Amino acid sequence: MSGAAAEQQSQVVTGTTVITLSGRKVVGGVAEGEALVTRDRISGWGGIDPRTGTVIETRHELRGVSFAGKVLVFPGAKGSSGWSAMFHLARLMNAVPAAFLFNEMTTKIALGAVVTHAPSMTDFDRDPMECIETGDWVRVDADRGIVEITKKKKPGDTL
């Protein structure tokens, strides 16, 4: 994407930067929440606690962190087909992400997204992991194929 096009997709509103991404819907719907970003793939079977939505995988950078109610931004799924079973249980416990944004579409992540009923997107015009940081506010409109990121304020930011 050219610099001019990227600038057109970013705007400053009342001292807050808003970035817009376009992508492809996997599961429709609209949701918003705080972003939780990881560069590590997540294992559904043995990698999460479906009762709390907490990553329990031993060497995962999010070990001990819950994704419940957050917009989960990650490269994709790994491991077995346990994604659908574990995320179905997490949905029953109300411990699923508000939305999924991921880079690599596989049957594992597709099943996990479908059973959670969470708005989910992939195939973005820019890498969401390059644009979104943990703590940013993210609105996912999968029906329209649009993600709006409101960057979190950092210490020293002024209006």
C-alpha atoms as a PDB file:
ATOM      1  CA  MET A   1       0.000   0.000   0.000  1.00  0.00           C
ATOM      2  CA  SER A   2       1.413   3.397  -0.940  1.00  0.00           C
ATOM      3  CA  GLY A   3       2.107   6.018   1.713  1.00  0.00           C
ATOM      4  CA  ALA A   4      -0.725   8.222   0.410  1.00  0.00           C
ATOM      5  CA  ALA A   5      -3.220   5.360   0.563  1.00  0.00           C
ATOM      6  CA  ALA A   6      -2.105   4.475   4.094  1.00  0.00           C
ATOM      7  CA  GLU A   7      -2.489   8.109   5.139  1.00  0.00           C
ATOM      8  CA  GLN A   8      -6.014   8.140   3.728  1.00  0.00           C
ATOM      9  CA  GLN A   9      -6.843   5.128   5.873  1.00  0.00           C
ATOM     10  CA  SER A  10      -5.520   6.795   9.042  1.00  0.00           C
ATOM     11  CA  GLN A  11      -7.101   9.840  10.545  1.00  0.00           C
ATOM     12  CA  VAL A  12      -6.750  11.874  13.690  1.00  0.00           C
ATOM     13  CA  VAL A  13      -9.931  12.479  15.633  1.00  0.00           C
ATOM     14  CA  THR A  14      -9.741  14.671  18.754  1.00  0.00           C
ATOM     15  CA  GLY A  15      -6.098  13.799  19.301  1.00  0.00           C
ATOM     16  CA  THR A  16      -6.648  10.054  18.808  1.00  0.00           C
ATOM     17  CA  THR A  17      -5.329   8.119  15.832  1.00  0.00           C
ATOM     18  CA  VAL A  18      -7.840   5.855  14.075  1.00  0.00           C
ATOM     19  CA  ILE A  19      -6.599   3.319  11.512  1.00  0.00           C
ATOM     20  CA  THR A  20      -8.918   1.427   9.158  1.00  0.00           C
ATOM     21  CA  LEU A  21      -8.149  -1.996   7.691  1.00  0.00           C
ATOM     22  CA  SER A  22     -10.098  -3.928   5.092  1.00  0.00           C
ATOM     23  CA  GLY A  23     -10.336  -7.697   5.090  1.00  0.00           C
ATOM     24  CA  ARG A  24     -12.457 -10.738   4.348  1.00  0.00           C
ATOM     25  CA  LYS A  25     -15.288 -11.959   6.569  1.00  0.00           C
ATOM     26  CA  VAL A  26     -15.022 -15.447   8.015  1.00  0.00           C
ATOM     27  CA  VAL A  27     -17.860 -15.120  10.540  1.00  0.00           C
ATOM     28  CA  GLY A  28     -20.207 -12.150  10.268  1.00  0.00           C
ATOM     29  CA  GLY A  29     -21.197  -9.682  12.916  1.00  0.00           C
ATOM     30  CA  VAL A  30     -19.987  -6.582  14.677  1.00  0.00           C
ATOM     31  CA  ALA A  31     -18.019  -6.445  17.927  1.00  0.00           C
ATOM     32  CA  GLU A  32     -15.576  -4.176  19.644  1.00  0.00           C
ATOM     33  CA  GLY A  33     -13.182  -4.364  22.518  1.00  0.00           C
ATOM     34  CA  GLU A  34      -9.645  -4.047  23.721  1.00  0.00           C
ATOM     35  CA  ALA A  35      -7.057  -5.710  21.488  1.00  0.00           C
ATOM     36  CA  LEU A  36      -4.961  -8.636  22.666  1.00  0.00           C
ATOM     37  CA  VAL A  37      -2.127  -9.224  20.204  1.00  0.00           C
ATOM     38  CA  THR A  38       0.288 -12.135  19.968  1.00  0.00           C
ATOM     39  CA  ARG A  39       2.740 -13.248  17.308  1.00  0.00           C
ATOM     40  CA  ASP A  40       2.482 -16.818  18.618  1.00  0.00           C
ATOM     41  CA  ARG A  41      -0.028 -19.262  17.193  1.00  0.00           C
ATOM     42  CA  ILE A  42      -2.526 -20.620  19.697  1.00  0.00           C
ATOM     43  CA  SER A  43      -3.214 -24.310  20.315  1.00  0.00           C
ATOM     44  CA  GLY A  44      -6.858 -25.090  20.988  1.00  0.00           C
ATOM     45  CA  TRP A  45      -6.249 -28.493  22.534  1.00  0.00           C
ATOM     46  CA  GLY A  46      -4.149 -28.064  25.683  1.00  0.00           C
ATOM     47  CA  GLY A  47      -3.305 -24.453  24.908  1.00  0.00           C
ATOM     48  CA  ILE A  48      -6.300 -22.741  26.497  1.00  0.00           C
ATOM     49  CA  ASP A  49      -8.473 -23.099  29.564  1.00  0.00           C
ATOM     50  CA  PRO A  50     -11.995 -23.010  28.084  1.00  0.00           C
ATOM     51  CA  ARG A  51     -13.543 -22.130  31.459  1.00  0.00           C
ATOM     52  CA  THR A  52     -11.709 -18.787  31.664  1.00  0.00           C
ATOM     53  CA  GLY A  53     -10.423 -18.121  28.150  1.00  0.00           C
ATOM     54  CA  THR A  54      -6.887 -18.117  29.538  1.00  0.00           C
ATOM     55  CA  VAL A  55      -3.864 -19.204  27.501  1.00  0.00           C
ATOM     56  CA  ILE A  56      -2.212 -22.031  29.446  1.00  0.00           C
ATOM     57  CA  GLU A  57       0.337 -23.223  26.902  1.00  0.00           C
ATOM     58  CA  THR A  58       3.681 -23.420  28.710  1.00  0.00           C
ATOM     59  CA  ARG A  59       5.892 -21.410  26.356  1.00  0.00           C
ATOM     60  CA  HIS A  60       3.261 -19.053  24.922  1.00  0.00           C
ATOM     61  CA  GLU A  61       3.886 -15.315  25.340  1.00  0.00           C
ATOM     62  CA  LEU A  62       0.282 -14.881  26.589  1.00  0.00           C
ATOM     63  CA  ARG A  63       0.502 -17.655  29.208  1.00  0.00           C
ATOM     64  CA  GLY A  64      -1.802 -16.701  32.080  1.00  0.00           C
ATOM     65  CA  VAL A  65      -3.660 -14.021  30.060  1.00  0.00           C
ATOM     66  CA  SER A  66      -7.375 -14.304  29.282  1.00  0.00           C
ATOM     67  CA  PHE A  67      -8.712 -13.407  25.846  1.00  0.00           C
ATOM     68  CA  ALA A  68     -12.344 -13.404  27.055  1.00  0.00           C
ATOM     69  CA  GLY A  69     -14.168 -10.361  25.708  1.00  0.00           C
ATOM     70  CA  LYS A  70     -11.112  -9.057  23.834  1.00  0.00           C
ATOM     71  CA  VAL A  71     -10.379  -8.751  20.138  1.00  0.00           C
ATOM     72  CA  LEU A  72      -7.787 -11.486  19.628  1.00  0.00           C
ATOM     73  CA  VAL A  73      -5.191 -10.625  16.966  1.00  0.00           C
ATOM     74  CA  PHE A  74      -2.870 -13.514  16.077  1.00  0.00           C
ATOM     75  CA  PRO A  75      -1.278 -15.355  13.145  1.00  0.00           C
ATOM     76  CA  GLY A  76      -3.574 -18.391  13.385  1.00  0.00           C
ATOM     77  CA  ALA A  77      -4.175 -21.759  15.011  1.00  0.00           C
ATOM     78  CA  LYS A  78      -1.804 -24.621  15.648  1.00  0.00           C
ATOM     79  CA  GLY A  79      -2.140 -28.162  16.864  1.00  0.00           C
ATOM     80  CA  SER A  80      -4.997 -30.587  16.438  1.00  0.00           C
ATOM     81  CA  SER A  81      -8.628 -30.082  15.618  1.00  0.00           C
ATOM     82  CA  GLY A  82      -9.303 -29.469  19.324  1.00  0.00           C
ATOM     83  CA  TRP A  83      -9.965 -25.851  18.404  1.00  0.00           C
ATOM     84  CA  SER A  84     -13.650 -26.488  17.736  1.00  0.00           C
ATOM     85  CA  ALA A  85     -14.237 -28.482  20.937  1.00  0.00           C
ATOM     86  CA  MET A  86     -12.286 -26.154  23.236  1.00  0.00           C
ATOM     87  CA  PHE A  87     -13.761 -22.968  21.796  1.00  0.00           C
ATOM     88  CA  HIS A  88     -17.261 -24.459  21.904  1.00  0.00           C
ATOM     89  CA  LEU A  89     -16.748 -25.092  25.626  1.00  0.00           C
ATOM     90  CA  ALA A  90     -15.342 -21.568  26.042  1.00  0.00           C
ATOM     91  CA  ARG A  91     -18.486 -20.161  24.389  1.00  0.00           C
ATOM     92  CA  LEU A  92     -20.665 -22.085  26.824  1.00  0.00           C
ATOM     93  CA  MET A  93     -18.639 -20.562  29.672  1.00  0.00           C
ATOM     94  CA  ASN A  94     -18.863 -17.052  28.140  1.00  0.00           C
ATOM     95  CA  ALA A  95     -15.066 -16.976  27.902  1.00  0.00           C
ATOM     96  CA  VAL A  96     -14.518 -16.378  24.181  1.00  0.00           C
ATOM     97  CA  PRO A  97     -12.945 -13.440  22.398  1.00  0.00           C
ATOM     98  CA  ALA A  98     -15.259 -10.643  21.246  1.00  0.00           C
ATOM     99  CA  ALA A  99     -13.734 -11.088  17.767  1.00  0.00           C
ATOM    100  CA  PHE A 100     -10.889 -12.860  15.946  1.00  0.00           C
ATOM    101  CA  LEU A 101      -8.452 -11.189  13.532  1.00  0.00           C
ATOM    102  CA  PHE A 102      -5.917 -13.595  12.042  1.00  0.00           C
ATOM    103  CA  ASN A 103      -3.527 -13.882   9.114  1.00  0.00           C
ATOM    104  CA  GLU A 104      -3.655 -17.539   8.105  1.00  0.00           C
ATOM    105  CA  MET A 105      -6.965 -19.248   7.358  1.00  0.00           C
ATOM    106  CA  THR A 106      -7.043 -22.933   8.258  1.00  0.00           C
ATOM    107  CA  THR A 107      -9.832 -25.356   9.019  1.00  0.00           C
ATOM    108  CA  LYS A 108      -8.846 -25.206  12.716  1.00  0.00           C
ATOM    109  CA  ILE A 109      -9.384 -21.471  13.031  1.00  0.00           C
ATOM    110  CA  ALA A 110     -12.466 -21.538  10.817  1.00  0.00           C
ATOM    111  CA  LEU A 111     -14.097 -24.133  13.094  1.00  0.00           C
ATOM    112  CA  GLY A 112     -13.062 -22.224  16.214  1.00  0.00           C
ATOM    113  CA  ALA A 113     -14.476 -18.974  14.851  1.00  0.00           C
ATOM    114  CA  VAL A 114     -17.740 -20.592  13.781  1.00  0.00           C
ATOM    115  CA  VAL A 115     -18.394 -22.309  17.122  1.00  0.00           C
ATOM    116  CA  THR A 116     -17.696 -19.118  19.097  1.00  0.00           C
ATOM    117  CA  HIS A 117     -20.040 -17.072  16.879  1.00  0.00           C
ATOM    118  CA  ALA A 118     -17.456 -14.276  17.190  1.00  0.00           C
ATOM    119  CA  PRO A 119     -17.045 -11.875  14.256  1.00  0.00           C
ATOM    120  CA  SER A 120     -13.887 -13.034  12.490  1.00  0.00           C
ATOM    121  CA  MET A 121     -11.782 -11.708   9.634  1.00  0.00           C
ATOM    122  CA  THR A 122      -8.670 -12.545   7.622  1.00  0.00           C
ATOM    123  CA  ASP A 123      -6.938 -11.570   4.317  1.00  0.00           C
ATOM    124  CA  PHE A 124      -6.275  -7.940   5.285  1.00  0.00           C
ATOM    125  CA  ASP A 125      -4.947  -5.146   3.104  1.00  0.00           C
ATOM    126  CA  ARG A 126      -2.259  -4.640   5.782  1.00  0.00           C
ATOM    127  CA  ASP A 127      -0.893  -6.958   8.460  1.00  0.00           C
ATOM    128  CA  PRO A 128      -3.062  -6.327  11.541  1.00  0.00           C
ATOM    129  CA  MET A 129      -0.158  -7.288  13.810  1.00  0.00           C
ATOM    130  CA  GLU A 130       1.790  -4.353  12.375  1.00  0.00           C
ATOM    131  CA  CYS A 131      -1.091  -1.904  13.005  1.00  0.00           C
ATOM    132  CA  ILE A 132      -2.663  -3.119  16.247  1.00  0.00           C
ATOM    133  CA  GLU A 133      -1.088  -3.235  19.695  1.00  0.00           C
ATOM    134  CA  THR A 134      -2.410  -4.819  22.858  1.00  0.00           C
ATOM    135  CA  GLY A 135      -4.599  -2.231  24.548  1.00  0.00           C
ATOM    136  CA  ASP A 136      -5.796  -0.500  21.370  1.00  0.00           C
ATOM    137  CA  TRP A 137      -9.588  -0.261  21.011  1.00  0.00           C
ATOM    138  CA  VAL A 138     -10.756  -2.263  17.982  1.00  0.00           C
ATOM    139  CA  ARG A 139     -14.154  -2.285  16.272  1.00  0.00           C
ATOM    140  CA  VAL A 140     -14.693  -5.239  13.930  1.00  0.00           C
ATOM    141  CA  ASP A 141     -17.474  -5.025  11.354  1.00  0.00           C
ATOM    142  CA  ALA A 142     -17.001  -8.357   9.617  1.00  0.00           C
ATOM    143  CA  ASP A 143     -20.186  -7.901   7.581  1.00  0.00           C
ATOM    144  CA  ARG A 144     -18.656  -4.838   5.897  1.00  0.00           C
ATOM    145  CA  GLY A 145     -15.076  -6.180   5.966  1.00  0.00           C
ATOM    146  CA  ILE A 146     -13.845  -3.216   8.025  1.00  0.00           C
ATOM    147  CA  VAL A 147     -11.676  -3.010  11.157  1.00  0.00           C
ATOM    148  CA  GLU A 148     -11.275   0.343  12.925  1.00  0.00           C
ATOM    149  CA  ILE A 149      -8.383   0.666  15.359  1.00  0.00           C
ATOM    150  CA  THR A 150      -8.279   3.494  17.879  1.00  0.00           C
ATOM    151  CA  LYS A 151      -4.708   3.672  19.095  1.00  0.00           C
ATOM    152  CA  LYS A 152      -4.211   3.665  22.856  1.00  0.00           C
ATOM    153  CA  LYS A 153      -2.779   6.763  24.428  1.00  0.00           C
ATOM    154  CA  LYS A 154       0.850   6.444  25.447  1.00  0.00           C
ATOM    155  CA  PRO A 155       2.534   8.309  28.283  1.00  0.00           C
ATOM    156  CA  GLY A 156       3.471  11.756  27.048  1.00  0.00           C
ATOM    157  CA  ASP A 157       0.814  11.852  24.284  1.00  0.00           C
ATOM    158  CA  THR A 158      -0.917  15.213  24.043  1.00  0.00           C
ATOM    159  CA  LEU A 159      -4.251  16.164  22.536  1.00  0.00           C
END
